[in-house]
Amino acid sequence: MIVTTGPHIEGKEIVQYCGLVAGEAILGANIFKDLFASVRDIVGGRSAGYERSLREARETAVREMIEQAQSLGANAVIAIDIDYESIAIGSGGNMLMVSASGTAVKIL
């Protein structure tokens, strides 16, 4: 499966547009990651826990989008857009939301 953020694929002909496809992932960040991220915010540095969670959420969203494209008979997804959001929940916690969307196509 070819996936790209571009509107076309160099050297390939789009023969059919199968439709819009999307995948979403919402991951909770546990209290220890939140605590360590807060400390890192104060003293500086990167938050490996959050980076890992974002990567995992992105991979999940893209994988779901690809599975949906395959179910439509597509062999590529073009014009992919990936969005990241932090959702505040009660008692000061956060959840990480990632959505991936694109256009499923058949190419030659």
N, C-alpha and C. Protein backbone atom coordinates (compact mmCIF):
# COMPACT_ATOMS: atom_id res chain seq x y z
N MET A 1 0.86 -1.18 0.00
CA MET A 1 0.00 0.00 0.00
C MET A 1 0.90 1.23 0.00
N ILE A 2 0.72 2.07 -1.00
CA ILE A 2 1.45 3.33 -1.06
C ILE A 2 0.61 4.38 -0.34
N VAL A 3 1.23 5.13 0.57
CA VAL A 3 0.56 6.22 1.26
C VAL A 3 1.41 7.48 1.12
N THR A 4 0.75 8.59 0.84
CA THR A 4 1.49 9.83 0.63
C THR A 4 0.65 11.04 1.01
N THR A 5 1.33 12.09 1.41
CA THR A 5 0.64 13.34 1.71
C THR A 5 0.36 14.13 0.44
N GLY A 6 0.98 13.73 -0.65
CA GLY A 6 0.79 14.43 -1.93
C GLY A 6 -0.52 14.07 -2.61
N PRO A 7 -0.93 14.89 -3.58
CA PRO A 7 -2.20 14.65 -4.28
C PRO A 7 -2.11 13.61 -5.39
N HIS A 8 -0.91 13.17 -5.72
CA HIS A 8 -0.72 12.14 -6.74
C HIS A 8 0.57 11.38 -6.44
N ILE A 9 0.80 10.31 -7.20
CA ILE A 9 1.99 9.49 -6.99
C ILE A 9 2.79 9.51 -8.28
N GLU A 10 4.00 10.01 -8.19
CA GLU A 10 4.86 10.14 -9.36
C GLU A 10 4.97 8.82 -10.13
N GLY A 11 4.71 8.87 -11.44
CA GLY A 11 4.84 7.70 -12.29
C GLY A 11 3.68 6.72 -12.22
N LYS A 12 2.66 7.04 -11.45
CA LYS A 12 1.49 6.16 -11.32
C LYS A 12 0.25 6.89 -11.81
N GLU A 13 -0.66 6.13 -12.39
CA GLU A 13 -1.92 6.70 -12.87
C GLU A 13 -3.04 6.30 -11.92
N ILE A 14 -3.80 7.28 -11.46
CA ILE A 14 -4.98 7.00 -10.63
C ILE A 14 -6.10 6.61 -11.56
N VAL A 15 -6.62 5.39 -11.38
CA VAL A 15 -7.68 4.90 -12.26
C VAL A 15 -9.05 4.91 -11.59
N GLN A 16 -9.06 5.00 -10.27
CA GLN A 16 -10.34 5.05 -9.56
C GLN A 16 -10.16 5.70 -8.19
N TYR A 17 -11.10 6.58 -7.84
CA TYR A 17 -11.16 7.15 -6.50
C TYR A 17 -12.17 6.33 -5.71
N CYS A 18 -11.74 5.74 -4.62
CA CYS A 18 -12.59 4.84 -3.83
C CYS A 18 -13.31 5.54 -2.69
N GLY A 19 -12.82 6.71 -2.29
CA GLY A 19 -13.49 7.46 -1.24
C GLY A 19 -12.56 7.91 -0.13
N LEU A 20 -13.12 8.68 0.77
CA LEU A 20 -12.41 9.20 1.93
C LEU A 20 -12.23 8.08 2.95
N VAL A 21 -11.04 7.98 3.51
CA VAL A 21 -10.77 7.01 4.57
C VAL A 21 -10.15 7.73 5.75
N ALA A 22 -10.37 7.18 6.94
CA ALA A 22 -9.85 7.83 8.15
C ALA A 22 -9.56 6.80 9.22
N GLY A 23 -8.67 7.15 10.10
CA GLY A 23 -8.37 6.34 11.27
C GLY A 23 -8.13 7.26 12.44
N GLU A 24 -8.53 6.83 13.61
CA GLU A 24 -8.35 7.64 14.81
C GLU A 24 -7.76 6.79 15.92
N ALA A 25 -7.04 7.45 16.80
CA ALA A 25 -6.51 6.79 17.98
C ALA A 25 -6.51 7.78 19.13
N ILE A 26 -7.02 7.34 20.26
CA ILE A 26 -7.00 8.15 21.47
C ILE A 26 -6.30 7.32 22.54
N LEU A 27 -5.22 7.85 23.04
CA LEU A 27 -4.45 7.14 24.06
C LEU A 27 -4.40 7.97 25.33
N GLY A 28 -4.61 7.32 26.45
CA GLY A 28 -4.46 8.00 27.73
C GLY A 28 -3.00 8.05 28.12
N ALA A 29 -2.59 9.15 28.67
CA ALA A 29 -1.22 9.26 29.19
C ALA A 29 -1.32 9.03 30.69
N ASN A 30 -0.59 8.04 31.18
CA ASN A 30 -0.76 7.69 32.58
C ASN A 30 -0.15 8.75 33.51
N ILE A 31 -0.48 8.67 34.76
CA ILE A 31 -0.10 9.69 35.74
C ILE A 31 1.41 9.84 35.88
N PHE A 32 2.16 8.74 35.76
CA PHE A 32 3.61 8.84 35.90
C PHE A 32 4.23 9.61 34.73
N LYS A 33 3.74 9.34 33.51
CA LYS A 33 4.23 10.10 32.36
C LYS A 33 3.88 11.57 32.52
N ASP A 34 2.65 11.85 33.00
CA ASP A 34 2.24 13.24 33.22
C ASP A 34 3.15 13.92 34.24
N LEU A 35 3.45 13.20 35.31
CA LEU A 35 4.30 13.75 36.36
C LEU A 35 5.70 14.04 35.83
N PHE A 36 6.31 13.06 35.16
CA PHE A 36 7.66 13.25 34.63
C PHE A 36 7.70 14.32 33.54
N ALA A 37 6.63 14.39 32.73
CA ALA A 37 6.58 15.43 31.69
C ALA A 37 6.52 16.80 32.33
N SER A 38 5.78 16.94 33.44
CA SER A 38 5.72 18.22 34.14
C SER A 38 7.09 18.62 34.67
N VAL A 39 7.81 17.66 35.24
CA VAL A 39 9.16 17.94 35.74
C VAL A 39 10.07 18.36 34.60
N ARG A 40 9.99 17.66 33.48
CA ARG A 40 10.83 18.01 32.32
C ARG A 40 10.48 19.39 31.79
N ASP A 41 9.17 19.76 31.84
CA ASP A 41 8.78 21.10 31.40
C ASP A 41 9.46 22.16 32.24
N ILE A 42 9.63 21.88 33.52
CA ILE A 42 10.25 22.84 34.43
C ILE A 42 11.76 22.91 34.21
N VAL A 43 12.41 21.74 34.10
CA VAL A 43 13.87 21.71 34.01
C VAL A 43 14.38 21.62 32.57
N GLY A 44 13.51 21.43 31.61
CA GLY A 44 13.91 21.32 30.21
C GLY A 44 14.13 19.88 29.81
N GLY A 45 14.21 19.65 28.52
CA GLY A 45 14.44 18.30 28.01
C GLY A 45 13.22 17.76 27.30
N ARG A 46 13.38 16.59 26.76
CA ARG A 46 12.32 15.95 25.99
C ARG A 46 11.57 14.95 26.87
N SER A 47 10.31 14.76 26.56
CA SER A 47 9.49 13.80 27.28
C SER A 47 9.35 12.53 26.43
N ALA A 48 10.21 11.55 26.68
CA ALA A 48 10.22 10.32 25.90
C ALA A 48 8.89 9.58 25.99
N GLY A 49 8.24 9.62 27.15
CA GLY A 49 6.96 8.95 27.32
C GLY A 49 5.90 9.52 26.39
N TYR A 50 5.80 10.83 26.32
CA TYR A 50 4.83 11.47 25.42
C TYR A 50 5.20 11.23 23.97
N GLU A 51 6.48 11.31 23.64
CA GLU A 51 6.90 11.06 22.26
C GLU A 51 6.52 9.65 21.83
N ARG A 52 6.73 8.69 22.70
CA ARG A 52 6.39 7.29 22.41
C ARG A 52 4.87 7.15 22.22
N SER A 53 4.10 7.81 23.09
CA SER A 53 2.64 7.74 22.99
C SER A 53 2.15 8.37 21.69
N LEU A 54 2.72 9.50 21.30
CA LEU A 54 2.34 10.15 20.05
C LEU A 54 2.66 9.27 18.85
N ARG A 55 3.84 8.67 18.85
CA ARG A 55 4.25 7.78 17.76
C ARG A 55 3.30 6.59 17.66
N GLU A 56 2.98 6.00 18.79
CA GLU A 56 2.08 4.85 18.83
C GLU A 56 0.69 5.22 18.31
N ALA A 57 0.18 6.37 18.74
CA ALA A 57 -1.13 6.83 18.30
C ALA A 57 -1.14 7.11 16.80
N ARG A 58 -0.09 7.73 16.28
CA ARG A 58 0.00 8.02 14.84
C ARG A 58 0.02 6.72 14.05
N GLU A 59 0.83 5.75 14.47
CA GLU A 59 0.91 4.46 13.77
C GLU A 59 -0.44 3.74 13.78
N THR A 60 -1.15 3.81 14.89
CA THR A 60 -2.46 3.18 14.99
C THR A 60 -3.46 3.84 14.05
N ALA A 61 -3.50 5.17 14.04
CA ALA A 61 -4.43 5.90 13.17
C ALA A 61 -4.15 5.63 11.70
N VAL A 62 -2.88 5.63 11.32
CA VAL A 62 -2.52 5.37 9.91
C VAL A 62 -2.85 3.93 9.55
N ARG A 63 -2.58 2.99 10.44
CA ARG A 63 -2.88 1.58 10.18
C ARG A 63 -4.39 1.38 9.96
N GLU A 64 -5.22 2.02 10.80
CA GLU A 64 -6.68 1.92 10.65
C GLU A 64 -7.12 2.51 9.32
N MET A 65 -6.51 3.64 8.92
CA MET A 65 -6.85 4.29 7.66
C MET A 65 -6.51 3.36 6.49
N ILE A 66 -5.35 2.72 6.54
CA ILE A 66 -4.92 1.79 5.48
C ILE A 66 -5.86 0.59 5.41
N GLU A 67 -6.25 0.04 6.56
CA GLU A 67 -7.17 -1.09 6.59
C GLU A 67 -8.51 -0.73 5.96
N GLN A 68 -8.97 0.48 6.24
CA GLN A 68 -10.23 0.93 5.64
C GLN A 68 -10.08 1.07 4.12
N ALA A 69 -8.95 1.59 3.66
CA ALA A 69 -8.70 1.74 2.23
C ALA A 69 -8.66 0.36 1.55
N GLN A 70 -8.01 -0.60 2.19
CA GLN A 70 -7.94 -1.96 1.63
C GLN A 70 -9.33 -2.57 1.53
N SER A 71 -10.18 -2.30 2.50
CA SER A 71 -11.53 -2.86 2.48
C SER A 71 -12.36 -2.28 1.33
N LEU A 72 -11.95 -1.12 0.82
CA LEU A 72 -12.62 -0.51 -0.33
C LEU A 72 -12.01 -0.95 -1.66
N GLY A 73 -10.97 -1.78 -1.59
CA GLY A 73 -10.31 -2.26 -2.80
C GLY A 73 -9.20 -1.34 -3.31
N ALA A 74 -8.81 -0.36 -2.52
CA ALA A 74 -7.76 0.58 -2.93
C ALA A 74 -6.38 -0.04 -2.75
N ASN A 75 -5.42 0.47 -3.53
CA ASN A 75 -4.04 0.04 -3.35
C ASN A 75 -3.11 1.21 -3.03
N ALA A 76 -3.72 2.38 -2.74
CA ALA A 76 -2.94 3.55 -2.33
C ALA A 76 -3.86 4.53 -1.61
N VAL A 77 -3.25 5.40 -0.81
CA VAL A 77 -3.99 6.49 -0.16
C VAL A 77 -3.20 7.77 -0.42
N ILE A 78 -3.87 8.76 -0.98
CA ILE A 78 -3.22 10.03 -1.29
C ILE A 78 -3.79 11.14 -0.42
N ALA A 79 -3.11 12.28 -0.44
CA ALA A 79 -3.55 13.49 0.27
C ALA A 79 -3.79 13.24 1.75
N ILE A 80 -2.89 12.49 2.38
CA ILE A 80 -3.05 12.16 3.80
C ILE A 80 -2.80 13.40 4.66
N ASP A 81 -3.65 13.56 5.65
CA ASP A 81 -3.50 14.63 6.64
C ASP A 81 -3.52 13.98 8.02
N ILE A 82 -2.57 14.34 8.85
CA ILE A 82 -2.50 13.81 10.21
C ILE A 82 -2.64 14.98 11.18
N ASP A 83 -3.59 14.85 12.10
CA ASP A 83 -3.84 15.90 13.10
C ASP A 83 -3.62 15.35 14.49
N TYR A 84 -3.07 16.19 15.36
CA TYR A 84 -2.79 15.83 16.76
C TYR A 84 -3.57 16.77 17.67
N GLU A 85 -4.17 16.23 18.70
CA GLU A 85 -4.89 17.04 19.69
C GLU A 85 -4.63 16.49 21.08
N SER A 86 -4.56 17.37 22.04
CA SER A 86 -4.51 16.98 23.44
C SER A 86 -5.89 17.28 24.02
N ILE A 87 -6.50 16.28 24.62
CA ILE A 87 -7.83 16.44 25.18
C ILE A 87 -7.71 16.44 26.70
N ALA A 88 -8.12 17.52 27.32
CA ALA A 88 -8.10 17.61 28.79
C ALA A 88 -9.30 16.85 29.34
N ILE A 89 -9.03 16.01 30.33
CA ILE A 89 -10.10 15.29 31.01
C ILE A 89 -10.11 15.71 32.47
N GLY A 90 -11.10 15.27 33.21
CA GLY A 90 -11.23 15.65 34.60
C GLY A 90 -9.98 15.40 35.44
N SER A 91 -9.84 16.10 36.50
CA SER A 91 -8.75 16.02 37.48
C SER A 91 -7.36 16.24 36.86
N GLY A 92 -7.29 17.12 35.86
CA GLY A 92 -6.00 17.54 35.33
C GLY A 92 -5.32 16.58 34.38
N GLY A 93 -5.95 15.47 34.00
CA GLY A 93 -5.33 14.52 33.09
C GLY A 93 -5.50 14.92 31.64
N ASN A 94 -4.75 14.26 30.78
CA ASN A 94 -4.84 14.50 29.35
C ASN A 94 -4.93 13.20 28.59
N MET A 95 -5.54 13.28 27.43
CA MET A 95 -5.54 12.16 26.50
C MET A 95 -4.97 12.69 25.19
N LEU A 96 -4.33 11.82 24.44
CA LEU A 96 -3.74 12.19 23.17
C LEU A 96 -4.61 11.64 22.05
N MET A 97 -5.04 12.50 21.13
CA MET A 97 -5.84 12.07 20.01
C MET A 97 -5.10 12.34 18.72
N VAL A 98 -5.04 11.33 17.86
CA VAL A 98 -4.43 11.48 16.55
C VAL A 98 -5.44 10.99 15.52
N SER A 99 -5.65 11.77 14.47
CA SER A 99 -6.51 11.33 13.38
C SER A 99 -5.73 11.43 12.08
N ALA A 100 -5.95 10.43 11.23
CA ALA A 100 -5.33 10.40 9.91
C ALA A 100 -6.44 10.23 8.89
N SER A 101 -6.42 11.04 7.84
CA SER A 101 -7.44 10.91 6.79
C SER A 101 -6.77 11.10 5.44
N GLY A 102 -7.39 10.54 4.43
CA GLY A 102 -6.87 10.65 3.08
C GLY A 102 -7.89 10.14 2.08
N THR A 103 -7.48 10.08 0.82
CA THR A 103 -8.35 9.60 -0.25
C THR A 103 -7.81 8.25 -0.73
N ALA A 104 -8.65 7.23 -0.63
CA ALA A 104 -8.30 5.90 -1.11
C ALA A 104 -8.45 5.86 -2.62
N VAL A 105 -7.43 5.32 -3.31
CA VAL A 105 -7.45 5.26 -4.77
C VAL A 105 -6.92 3.93 -5.25
N LYS A 106 -7.24 3.62 -6.51
CA LYS A 106 -6.61 2.50 -7.21
C LYS A 106 -5.66 3.11 -8.23
N ILE A 107 -4.43 2.62 -8.25
CA ILE A 107 -3.43 3.13 -9.17
C ILE A 107 -2.91 2.00 -10.06
N LEU A 108 -2.36 2.39 -11.20
CA LEU A 108 -1.66 1.44 -12.08
C LEU A 108 -0.19 1.75 -12.06
